Amino acid sequence: MKRISILVILLICTFTINLFAQESITKTAEYPVMFQPGEKIVQGGLGFGMMGLYGDIVIPPISFSVDIAKEIEGYPISFGGLIGIAKSEHDWVYYDNWTYTYFVLGARAAYHLKLESPKIDPYGGLMLGYNIVSFSGDEVFGYSAGTSYLMYGFYGGARYFFNPKMAVYAELGYGFGYLNLGISYKL
């Protein structure tokens, strides 16, 4: 586990350095068309797979997030939050089912890449949050589950705007859903 954590941190650092090196001369006038400072984007989506999920999925990861575009030293960055929920069950042979409910609150930050297309907004980012896990079921050999924990993640994604306000998005990464698909709306 320690090796995986170190590998994840190295990958995040490498990814971040590459993103900033690629756009080191970016200025406000050169932002992607779909990213302008002060804009807010809300999105909702469905995830596939999830870090820390135990048992069989009953409710897949469902998330809602908000991103606010900012300019920091000439770089297009967005900050926001995420709320998510998921549910799973584990069936014991001689005991009742264990049911887990996961409620995630997280903070997100992303760097937006520059593309010539006015309809695509690619980005990569990091998430830090807290997974509140609740448990219901019988104890097995004096053991019960339901530990909440700090979670982190990284993701890469893109939004495709089919009109100036609405988009579909896809994110791939490690965190709340390994693959997230959904709809975005620009306020």
C-alpha atoms as a PDB file:
ATOM      1  CA  MET A   1       0.000   0.000   0.000  1.00  0.00           C
ATOM      2  CA  LYS A   2       2.871   2.332   0.824  1.00  0.00           C
ATOM      3  CA  ARG A   3       4.401   1.761  -2.627  1.00  0.00           C
ATOM      4  CA  ILE A   4       1.081   2.528  -4.318  1.00  0.00           C
ATOM      5  CA  SER A   5       0.727   5.781  -2.330  1.00  0.00           C
ATOM      6  CA  ILE A   6       4.247   6.871  -3.292  1.00  0.00           C
ATOM      7  CA  LEU A   7       3.578   5.987  -6.938  1.00  0.00           C
ATOM      8  CA  VAL A   8       0.316   7.985  -6.891  1.00  0.00           C
ATOM      9  CA  ILE A   9       2.075  11.036  -5.424  1.00  0.00           C
ATOM     10  CA  LEU A  10       4.852  10.819  -8.030  1.00  0.00           C
ATOM     11  CA  LEU A  11       2.305  10.530 -10.848  1.00  0.00           C
ATOM     12  CA  ILE A  12       0.382  13.563  -9.549  1.00  0.00           C
ATOM     13  CA  CYS A  13       3.578  15.628  -9.314  1.00  0.00           C
ATOM     14  CA  THR A  14       4.676  14.604 -12.814  1.00  0.00           C
ATOM     15  CA  PHE A  15       1.226  15.307 -14.253  1.00  0.00           C
ATOM     16  CA  THR A  16       1.035  18.723 -12.582  1.00  0.00           C
ATOM     17  CA  ILE A  17       4.544  19.750 -13.667  1.00  0.00           C
ATOM     18  CA  ASN A  18       3.767  18.730 -17.259  1.00  0.00           C
ATOM     19  CA  LEU A  19       0.530  20.720 -17.257  1.00  0.00           C
ATOM     20  CA  PHE A  20       2.191  23.888 -15.984  1.00  0.00           C
ATOM     21  CA  ALA A  21       5.224  23.498 -18.263  1.00  0.00           C
ATOM     22  CA  GLN A  22       2.965  23.136 -21.307  1.00  0.00           C
ATOM     23  CA  GLU A  23       1.148  26.414 -20.685  1.00  0.00           C
ATOM     24  CA  SER A  24       3.806  28.477 -18.899  1.00  0.00           C
ATOM     25  CA  ILE A  25       3.275  31.507 -21.153  1.00  0.00           C
ATOM     26  CA  THR A  26      -0.543  31.519 -20.950  1.00  0.00           C
ATOM     27  CA  LYS A  27      -2.210  34.872 -20.341  1.00  0.00           C
ATOM     28  CA  THR A  28      -5.853  35.834 -19.794  1.00  0.00           C
ATOM     29  CA  ALA A  29      -6.514  36.613 -23.470  1.00  0.00           C
ATOM     30  CA  GLU A  30      -5.365  33.075 -24.403  1.00  0.00           C
ATOM     31  CA  TYR A  31      -7.722  31.150 -22.101  1.00  0.00           C
ATOM     32  CA  PRO A  32      -9.796  28.402 -23.664  1.00  0.00           C
ATOM     33  CA  VAL A  33     -13.048  29.821 -25.026  1.00  0.00           C
ATOM     34  CA  MET A  34     -15.104  27.728 -22.586  1.00  0.00           C
ATOM     35  CA  PHE A  35     -13.065  28.877 -19.559  1.00  0.00           C
ATOM     36  CA  GLN A  36     -13.391  32.490 -18.490  1.00  0.00           C
ATOM     37  CA  PRO A  37     -12.528  33.790 -14.995  1.00  0.00           C
ATOM     38  CA  GLY A  38     -15.545  34.109 -12.709  1.00  0.00           C
ATOM     39  CA  GLU A  39     -17.694  31.555 -14.531  1.00  0.00           C
ATOM     40  CA  LYS A  40     -19.376  28.837 -12.500  1.00  0.00           C
ATOM     41  CA  ILE A  41     -20.166  25.336 -13.733  1.00  0.00           C
ATOM     42  CA  VAL A  42     -22.420  22.893 -11.881  1.00  0.00           C
ATOM     43  CA  GLN A  43     -22.452  19.260 -12.864  1.00  0.00           C
ATOM     44  CA  GLY A  44     -24.011  15.976 -11.874  1.00  0.00           C
ATOM     45  CA  GLY A  45     -22.862  12.544 -12.828  1.00  0.00           C
ATOM     46  CA  LEU A  46     -22.750   8.821 -12.331  1.00  0.00           C
ATOM     47  CA  GLY A  47     -19.548   7.022 -11.358  1.00  0.00           C
ATOM     48  CA  PHE A  48     -18.281   3.552 -12.075  1.00  0.00           C
ATOM     49  CA  GLY A  49     -16.122   1.955  -9.381  1.00  0.00           C
ATOM     50  CA  MET A  50     -15.002   3.763  -6.237  1.00  0.00           C
ATOM     51  CA  MET A  51     -12.075   3.864  -3.838  1.00  0.00           C
ATOM     52  CA  GLY A  52     -12.924   2.137  -0.535  1.00  0.00           C
ATOM     53  CA  LEU A  53     -16.157   0.514  -1.744  1.00  0.00           C
ATOM     54  CA  TYR A  54     -16.779  -2.836  -0.026  1.00  0.00           C
ATOM     55  CA  GLY A  55     -19.151  -5.526  -1.290  1.00  0.00           C
ATOM     56  CA  ASP A  56     -21.608  -5.327  -4.170  1.00  0.00           C
ATOM     57  CA  ILE A  57     -22.776  -1.922  -5.413  1.00  0.00           C
ATOM     58  CA  VAL A  58     -26.431  -1.148  -4.641  1.00  0.00           C
ATOM     59  CA  ILE A  59     -26.331   2.559  -5.552  1.00  0.00           C
ATOM     60  CA  PRO A  60     -23.420   3.524  -7.832  1.00  0.00           C
ATOM     61  CA  PRO A  61     -21.436   6.675  -6.986  1.00  0.00           C
ATOM     62  CA  ILE A  62     -23.610   9.703  -7.751  1.00  0.00           C
ATOM     63  CA  SER A  63     -21.928  13.094  -7.512  1.00  0.00           C
ATOM     64  CA  PHE A  64     -22.738  16.781  -7.789  1.00  0.00           C
ATOM     65  CA  SER A  65     -19.992  19.368  -8.076  1.00  0.00           C
ATOM     66  CA  VAL A  66     -19.393  23.076  -8.634  1.00  0.00           C
ATOM     67  CA  ASP A  67     -16.326  24.575 -10.336  1.00  0.00           C
ATOM     68  CA  ILE A  68     -15.499  28.287 -10.265  1.00  0.00           C
ATOM     69  CA  ALA A  69     -12.978  29.578 -12.834  1.00  0.00           C
ATOM     70  CA  LYS A  70     -10.132  31.754 -11.510  1.00  0.00           C
ATOM     71  CA  GLU A  71      -6.990  33.333 -12.891  1.00  0.00           C
ATOM     72  CA  ILE A  72      -3.883  32.770 -10.788  1.00  0.00           C
ATOM     73  CA  GLU A  73      -0.638  34.239 -12.137  1.00  0.00           C
ATOM     74  CA  GLY A  74      -2.030  33.965 -15.661  1.00  0.00           C
ATOM     75  CA  TYR A  75      -3.018  30.288 -15.361  1.00  0.00           C
ATOM     76  CA  PRO A  76      -6.591  29.009 -15.880  1.00  0.00           C
ATOM     77  CA  ILE A  77      -7.467  27.239 -12.619  1.00  0.00           C
ATOM     78  CA  SER A  78     -10.839  26.213 -11.222  1.00  0.00           C
ATOM     79  CA  PHE A  79     -11.786  25.548  -7.612  1.00  0.00           C
ATOM     80  CA  GLY A  80     -14.904  23.928  -6.269  1.00  0.00           C
ATOM     81  CA  GLY A  81     -16.560  21.269  -4.215  1.00  0.00           C
ATOM     82  CA  LEU A  82     -18.088  17.829  -4.605  1.00  0.00           C
ATOM     83  CA  ILE A  83     -20.892  16.010  -2.795  1.00  0.00           C
ATOM     84  CA  GLY A  84     -21.417  12.342  -3.505  1.00  0.00           C
ATOM     85  CA  ILE A  85     -23.271   9.271  -2.308  1.00  0.00           C
ATOM     86  CA  ALA A  86     -22.957   5.521  -2.916  1.00  0.00           C
ATOM     87  CA  LYS A  87     -24.229   2.339  -1.263  1.00  0.00           C
ATOM     88  CA  SER A  88     -23.014  -1.266  -1.159  1.00  0.00           C
ATOM     89  CA  GLU A  89     -23.890  -4.590   0.482  1.00  0.00           C
ATOM     90  CA  HIS A  90     -21.873  -7.579   1.590  1.00  0.00           C
ATOM     91  CA  ASP A  91     -23.729 -10.863   2.060  1.00  0.00           C
ATOM     92  CA  TRP A  92     -22.418 -13.094   4.839  1.00  0.00           C
ATOM     93  CA  VAL A  93     -23.252 -16.795   4.513  1.00  0.00           C
ATOM     94  CA  TYR A  94     -24.464 -17.331   8.096  1.00  0.00           C
ATOM     95  CA  TYR A  95     -25.249 -13.754   9.109  1.00  0.00           C
ATOM     96  CA  ASP A  96     -27.305 -10.807   7.926  1.00  0.00           C
ATOM     97  CA  ASN A  97     -26.160  -8.599   5.091  1.00  0.00           C
ATOM     98  CA  TRP A  98     -23.894  -5.713   5.887  1.00  0.00           C
ATOM     99  CA  THR A  99     -24.987  -2.477   4.229  1.00  0.00           C
ATOM    100  CA  TYR A 100     -22.604   0.440   3.777  1.00  0.00           C
ATOM    101  CA  THR A 101     -23.595   3.983   2.835  1.00  0.00           C
ATOM    102  CA  TYR A 102     -20.862   6.351   1.666  1.00  0.00           C
ATOM    103  CA  PHE A 103     -21.363  10.123   1.815  1.00  0.00           C
ATOM    104  CA  VAL A 104     -18.448  12.142   0.429  1.00  0.00           C
ATOM    105  CA  LEU A 105     -17.689  15.852   0.869  1.00  0.00           C
ATOM    106  CA  GLY A 106     -14.685  17.066  -1.094  1.00  0.00           C
ATOM    107  CA  ALA A 107     -12.779  20.059  -2.422  1.00  0.00           C
ATOM    108  CA  ARG A 108     -11.492  20.096  -5.999  1.00  0.00           C
ATOM    109  CA  ALA A 109      -8.963  22.134  -7.971  1.00  0.00           C
ATOM    110  CA  ALA A 110      -8.216  21.770 -11.686  1.00  0.00           C
ATOM    111  CA  TYR A 111      -5.948  23.199 -14.368  1.00  0.00           C
ATOM    112  CA  HIS A 112      -7.627  23.800 -17.750  1.00  0.00           C
ATOM    113  CA  LEU A 113      -5.742  23.140 -20.972  1.00  0.00           C
ATOM    114  CA  LYS A 114      -5.861  25.396 -24.003  1.00  0.00           C
ATOM    115  CA  LEU A 115      -7.381  23.941 -27.175  1.00  0.00           C
ATOM    116  CA  GLU A 116      -8.316  25.603 -30.433  1.00  0.00           C
ATOM    117  CA  SER A 117     -11.819  24.090 -30.290  1.00  0.00           C
ATOM    118  CA  PRO A 118     -14.394  26.462 -28.796  1.00  0.00           C
ATOM    119  CA  LYS A 119     -16.520  23.519 -27.588  1.00  0.00           C
ATOM    120  CA  ILE A 120     -14.044  21.379 -25.613  1.00  0.00           C
ATOM    121  CA  ASP A 121     -12.735  22.172 -22.112  1.00  0.00           C
ATOM    122  CA  PRO A 122     -10.069  19.604 -21.073  1.00  0.00           C
ATOM    123  CA  TYR A 123      -8.756  19.703 -17.501  1.00  0.00           C
ATOM    124  CA  GLY A 124      -6.821  17.776 -14.891  1.00  0.00           C
ATOM    125  CA  GLY A 125      -7.067  18.136 -11.163  1.00  0.00           C
ATOM    126  CA  LEU A 126      -6.876  16.973  -7.568  1.00  0.00           C
ATOM    127  CA  MET A 127      -9.531  16.241  -4.966  1.00  0.00           C
ATOM    128  CA  LEU A 128      -9.322  16.069  -1.183  1.00  0.00           C
ATOM    129  CA  GLY A 129     -12.335  15.007   0.831  1.00  0.00           C
ATOM    130  CA  TYR A 130     -13.844  13.035   3.661  1.00  0.00           C
ATOM    131  CA  ASN A 131     -15.833   9.836   3.188  1.00  0.00           C
ATOM    132  CA  ILE A 132     -18.481   9.418   5.895  1.00  0.00           C
ATOM    133  CA  VAL A 133     -19.270   5.703   6.020  1.00  0.00           C
ATOM    134  CA  SER A 134     -22.333   4.405   7.858  1.00  0.00           C
ATOM    135  CA  PHE A 135     -22.969   0.739   8.498  1.00  0.00           C
ATOM    136  CA  SER A 136     -25.957  -1.443   9.284  1.00  0.00           C
ATOM    137  CA  GLY A 137     -25.964  -5.179  10.001  1.00  0.00           C
ATOM    138  CA  ASP A 138     -25.033  -7.708  12.671  1.00  0.00           C
ATOM    139  CA  GLU A 139     -21.622  -7.943  14.249  1.00  0.00           C
ATOM    140  CA  VAL A 140     -19.588 -10.938  13.111  1.00  0.00           C
ATOM    141  CA  PHE A 141     -17.257 -12.419  15.755  1.00  0.00           C
ATOM    142  CA  GLY A 142     -17.415  -9.110  17.635  1.00  0.00           C
ATOM    143  CA  TYR A 143     -16.438  -7.142  14.530  1.00  0.00           C
ATOM    144  CA  SER A 144     -18.503  -4.423  12.896  1.00  0.00           C
ATOM    145  CA  ALA A 145     -17.573  -1.986  10.172  1.00  0.00           C
ATOM    146  CA  GLY A 146     -18.304   1.626   9.334  1.00  0.00           C
ATOM    147  CA  THR A 147     -15.127   3.660   9.554  1.00  0.00           C
ATOM    148  CA  SER A 148     -15.077   7.101   7.948  1.00  0.00           C
ATOM    149  CA  TYR A 149     -11.848   8.273   6.397  1.00  0.00           C
ATOM    150  CA  LEU A 150      -9.984  11.043   4.584  1.00  0.00           C
ATOM    151  CA  MET A 151      -9.838  10.454   0.843  1.00  0.00           C
ATOM    152  CA  TYR A 152      -7.841  11.972  -1.973  1.00  0.00           C
ATOM    153  CA  GLY A 153      -7.999  11.700  -5.694  1.00  0.00           C
ATOM    154  CA  PHE A 154      -6.743  12.904  -9.026  1.00  0.00           C
ATOM    155  CA  TYR A 155      -8.628  13.097 -12.278  1.00  0.00           C
ATOM    156  CA  GLY A 156      -8.454  14.132 -15.890  1.00  0.00           C
ATOM    157  CA  GLY A 157     -11.505  15.015 -17.883  1.00  0.00           C
ATOM    158  CA  ALA A 158     -13.150  17.057 -20.564  1.00  0.00           C
ATOM    159  CA  ARG A 159     -16.417  18.846 -21.135  1.00  0.00           C
ATOM    160  CA  TYR A 160     -17.991  19.005 -24.567  1.00  0.00           C
ATOM    161  CA  PHE A 161     -20.326  22.005 -24.895  1.00  0.00           C
ATOM    162  CA  PHE A 162     -23.119  21.359 -27.377  1.00  0.00           C
ATOM    163  CA  ASN A 163     -24.440  24.874 -26.711  1.00  0.00           C
ATOM    164  CA  PRO A 164     -22.973  27.853 -24.762  1.00  0.00           C
ATOM    165  CA  LYS A 165     -24.516  26.711 -21.442  1.00  0.00           C
ATOM    166  CA  MET A 166     -24.824  22.889 -21.551  1.00  0.00           C
ATOM    167  CA  ALA A 167     -22.154  20.209 -21.817  1.00  0.00           C
ATOM    168  CA  VAL A 168     -21.549  16.526 -21.273  1.00  0.00           C
ATOM    169  CA  TYR A 169     -18.455  15.545 -19.329  1.00  0.00           C
ATOM    170  CA  ALA A 170     -16.266  12.528 -18.671  1.00  0.00           C
ATOM    171  CA  GLU A 171     -13.633  12.201 -15.953  1.00  0.00           C
ATOM    172  CA  LEU A 172     -11.180   9.367 -15.461  1.00  0.00           C
ATOM    173  CA  GLY A 173      -9.131   9.048 -12.295  1.00  0.00           C
ATOM    174  CA  TYR A 174      -8.809   7.811  -8.743  1.00  0.00           C
ATOM    175  CA  GLY A 175     -11.211   9.068  -6.104  1.00  0.00           C
ATOM    176  CA  PHE A 176     -14.983   9.272  -6.104  1.00  0.00           C
ATOM    177  CA  GLY A 177     -15.569   7.051  -9.120  1.00  0.00           C
ATOM    178  CA  TYR A 178     -12.833   5.746 -11.401  1.00  0.00           C
ATOM    179  CA  LEU A 179     -14.941   6.872 -14.380  1.00  0.00           C
ATOM    180  CA  ASN A 180     -17.547   9.623 -14.049  1.00  0.00           C
ATOM    181  CA  LEU A 181     -20.004  10.601 -16.781  1.00  0.00           C
ATOM    182  CA  GLY A 182     -22.585  13.345 -16.579  1.00  0.00           C
ATOM    183  CA  ILE A 183     -24.003  16.716 -17.570  1.00  0.00           C
ATOM    184  CA  SER A 184     -22.585  20.190 -16.882  1.00  0.00           C
ATOM    185  CA  TYR A 185     -24.395  23.525 -16.839  1.00  0.00           C
ATOM    186  CA  LYS A 186     -22.660  26.908 -16.979  1.00  0.00           C
ATOM    187  CA  LEU A 187     -24.277  29.546 -14.732  1.00  0.00           C
END
